[in-house]
Amino acid sequence: MFDLYGLWRDLHSRAFSRAMASSFLSCGEGTRLVPPLEVYGPKHVSLGRNVHVGPGSWFYTANEYARLEIGDGTRMSGLCVLSAADRVTLGRDVLLGRNVYIADHSHGVELADVPVYEQELERIEPVVIGDRAWLGQNVVILPGVTVGAGAVVGANSVVSVDVPPRTVVVGAPARVVRELPA
């Protein structure tokens, strides 16, 4: 049976990807951006080759020095938020489940009479997600975290400390529950 919807979706995302590619610092061949996509500061975002960004995702760079780098072959299911005030780096072939949140900063909360969104950003520390890591659905990665190559972060986990390569972490806060074979 002919899949008209699938064909339309494919053509739509290809056209959108081509139209958006020149907006970014770099956008590799074969990269697919599925709309809707919110991007603040696209000239500070680098997308590798064959990256897939699912619908409803949101990229934010806070200033002219911030960088968001996404490696070749990385896949984001959708509704993912990547927010950089300094640097957020995703390696090659990283897999992000739906609704993953990664930020290298947090908002100030000390001023009682100022809305949180108007307070200065705090705890600005780079985030690195290693090659072939898998972040499950609803994962939160906090500032300063490095997730090692090949690590798996279970669904609904909040990661506040570094994750060793080839380990499985789960929970809030996330903790190592298993080592994976090399």
Protein backbone atom coordinates (compact mmCIF):
# COMPACT_ATOMS: atom_id res chain seq x y z
CA MET A 1 0.00 0.00 0.00
CA PHE A 2 1.30 3.46 -0.89
CA ASP A 3 2.22 5.62 2.14
CA LEU A 4 1.24 9.14 1.10
CA TYR A 5 1.72 10.52 4.61
CA GLY A 6 5.23 9.07 4.88
CA LEU A 7 6.17 10.48 1.49
CA TRP A 8 4.82 13.94 2.39
CA ARG A 9 6.63 13.91 5.77
CA ASP A 10 9.89 12.91 4.09
CA LEU A 11 9.66 15.56 1.38
CA HIS A 12 8.64 18.22 3.91
CA SER A 13 11.58 17.51 6.25
CA ARG A 14 14.04 17.37 3.33
CA ALA A 15 12.88 20.76 2.04
CA PHE A 16 12.95 22.25 5.55
CA SER A 17 16.46 20.87 6.16
CA ARG A 18 17.78 22.34 2.90
CA ALA A 19 16.20 25.71 3.63
CA MET A 20 17.60 25.84 7.18
CA ALA A 21 21.10 24.46 6.52
CA SER A 22 22.72 27.81 5.70
CA SER A 23 21.39 29.30 8.96
CA PHE A 24 23.80 27.17 11.03
CA LEU A 25 27.53 27.57 11.67
CA SER A 26 27.76 24.26 9.81
CA CYS A 27 25.31 21.61 8.69
CA GLY A 28 26.63 18.33 7.31
CA GLU A 29 25.40 16.42 4.32
CA GLY A 30 22.40 14.17 4.94
CA THR A 31 21.32 16.00 8.10
CA ARG A 32 17.56 15.93 8.59
CA LEU A 33 15.66 18.53 10.62
CA VAL A 34 12.02 17.68 11.22
CA PRO A 35 9.86 20.75 11.87
CA PRO A 36 8.82 22.35 14.05
CA LEU A 37 12.30 23.28 15.30
CA GLU A 38 13.09 26.31 17.50
CA VAL A 39 16.65 27.62 17.15
CA TYR A 40 18.02 30.64 19.01
CA GLY A 41 21.49 31.58 17.77
CA PRO A 42 21.80 29.20 14.80
CA LYS A 43 25.18 30.70 13.81
CA HIS A 44 26.58 29.10 16.99
CA VAL A 45 25.24 25.61 16.20
CA SER A 46 27.27 22.98 14.32
CA LEU A 47 25.50 19.89 12.98
CA GLY A 48 27.54 16.98 11.66
CA ARG A 49 26.70 14.67 8.77
CA ASN A 50 23.60 12.47 8.87
CA VAL A 51 22.20 14.01 12.05
CA HIS A 52 18.48 13.56 12.69
CA VAL A 53 16.64 16.14 14.81
CA GLY A 54 13.08 15.10 15.62
CA PRO A 55 10.07 17.40 15.74
CA GLY A 56 9.53 19.88 18.54
CA SER A 57 13.22 20.15 19.45
CA TRP A 58 14.72 23.40 20.74
CA PHE A 59 18.32 24.66 20.43
CA TYR A 60 19.47 27.71 22.37
CA THR A 61 22.81 29.50 22.51
CA ALA A 62 22.86 32.27 25.12
CA ASN A 63 25.49 34.54 23.61
CA GLU A 64 28.02 35.02 20.80
CA TYR A 65 30.58 32.78 22.56
CA ALA A 66 28.26 29.83 23.23
CA ARG A 67 28.62 26.73 21.06
CA LEU A 68 26.34 23.79 20.46
CA GLU A 69 28.06 20.96 18.58
CA ILE A 70 26.31 17.81 17.40
CA GLY A 71 28.44 15.01 15.93
CA ASP A 72 27.95 12.87 12.84
CA GLY A 73 25.18 10.30 12.95
CA THR A 74 23.56 11.62 16.14
CA ARG A 75 19.81 10.95 16.44
CA MET A 76 17.28 12.93 18.52
CA SER A 77 13.78 11.49 18.76
CA GLY A 78 12.10 14.85 19.29
CA LEU A 79 11.11 17.40 21.92
CA CYS A 80 14.78 17.59 22.92
CA VAL A 81 16.18 20.78 24.47
CA LEU A 82 19.88 21.62 24.09
CA SER A 83 20.86 24.89 25.77
CA ALA A 84 24.38 26.36 25.79
CA ALA A 85 25.77 29.42 27.57
CA ASP A 86 29.32 28.10 27.02
CA ARG A 87 29.53 24.72 25.25
CA VAL A 88 27.37 21.63 24.81
CA THR A 89 28.99 18.89 22.73
CA LEU A 90 27.36 15.68 21.55
CA GLY A 91 29.73 13.16 20.02
CA ARG A 92 29.19 10.85 17.08
CA ASP A 93 26.27 8.42 16.88
CA VAL A 94 24.64 9.63 20.10
CA LEU A 95 21.00 8.59 20.61
CA LEU A 96 18.58 10.85 22.49
CA GLY A 97 15.12 9.63 23.45
CA ARG A 98 12.17 11.98 23.46
CA ASN A 99 12.13 14.97 25.78
CA VAL A 100 15.83 14.95 26.72
CA TYR A 101 17.06 18.18 28.37
CA ILE A 102 20.76 19.14 28.27
CA ALA A 103 22.04 22.48 29.60
CA ASP A 104 25.47 23.79 30.58
CA HIS A 105 23.94 26.37 32.93
CA SER A 106 21.14 27.01 35.38
CA HIS A 107 19.08 30.09 36.19
CA GLY A 108 19.65 32.26 39.22
CA VAL A 109 16.90 32.05 41.87
CA GLU A 110 18.21 34.31 44.64
CA LEU A 111 16.26 37.48 43.81
CA ALA A 112 12.75 37.04 45.23
CA ASP A 113 11.21 39.96 43.36
CA VAL A 114 12.75 39.11 39.94
CA PRO A 115 11.28 36.36 37.74
CA VAL A 116 13.63 33.39 37.36
CA TYR A 117 13.86 33.87 33.58
CA GLU A 118 15.18 37.42 34.09
CA GLN A 119 17.92 36.42 36.55
CA GLU A 120 21.51 35.86 35.46
CA LEU A 121 22.59 32.41 34.35
CA GLU A 122 24.68 30.54 36.94
CA ARG A 123 26.91 27.51 37.17
CA ILE A 124 28.00 27.73 33.57
CA GLU A 125 30.08 24.60 32.91
CA PRO A 126 30.51 22.72 29.59
CA VAL A 127 28.63 19.46 28.96
CA VAL A 128 30.05 16.62 26.87
CA ILE A 129 28.13 13.57 25.69
CA GLY A 130 30.56 10.93 24.40
CA ASP A 131 30.36 8.97 21.16
CA ARG A 132 27.66 6.27 20.98
CA ALA A 133 26.06 7.24 24.30
CA TRP A 134 22.32 6.66 24.68
CA LEU A 135 20.16 9.01 26.75
CA GLY A 136 16.71 7.54 27.36
CA GLN A 137 13.40 9.37 27.41
CA ASN A 138 13.03 12.35 29.78
CA VAL A 139 16.71 12.39 30.79
CA VAL A 140 18.09 15.62 32.28
CA ILE A 141 21.82 16.42 32.01
CA LEU A 142 22.98 19.18 34.35
CA PRO A 143 25.91 21.64 33.93
CA GLY A 144 29.47 20.33 34.01
CA VAL A 145 28.57 16.70 33.28
CA THR A 146 30.50 14.42 30.96
CA VAL A 147 28.73 11.26 29.83
CA GLY A 148 31.38 8.78 28.70
CA ALA A 149 31.50 7.02 25.35
CA GLY A 150 29.04 4.15 25.03
CA ALA A 151 27.28 4.93 28.32
CA VAL A 152 23.53 4.40 28.74
CA VAL A 153 21.41 6.78 30.82
CA GLY A 154 18.07 5.23 31.75
CA ALA A 155 14.74 6.95 31.19
CA ASN A 156 13.73 9.69 33.65
CA SER A 157 17.25 9.98 35.08
CA VAL A 158 18.77 13.24 36.33
CA VAL A 159 22.53 13.30 35.79
CA SER A 160 24.47 15.66 38.05
CA VAL A 161 27.91 13.95 38.05
CA ASP A 162 30.10 12.44 35.35
CA VAL A 163 29.10 9.06 33.90
CA PRO A 164 31.97 6.64 33.19
CA PRO A 165 32.25 5.17 29.69
CA ARG A 166 30.40 1.88 29.03
CA THR A 167 28.22 2.04 32.13
CA VAL A 168 24.48 2.11 32.71
CA VAL A 169 23.16 4.79 35.08
CA VAL A 170 19.60 5.27 36.35
CA GLY A 171 17.72 7.37 38.86
CA ALA A 172 17.43 10.86 40.22
CA PRO A 173 20.21 11.46 41.00
CA ALA A 174 21.63 8.97 38.50
CA ARG A 175 23.93 6.24 39.81
CA VAL A 176 25.87 3.42 38.14
CA VAL A 177 23.98 0.12 38.16
CA ARG A 178 25.95 -1.85 35.63
CA GLU A 179 29.16 -1.90 33.63
CA LEU A 180 28.92 -2.84 29.96
CA PRO A 181 31.43 -5.11 28.20
CA ALA A 182 34.24 -3.31 26.38
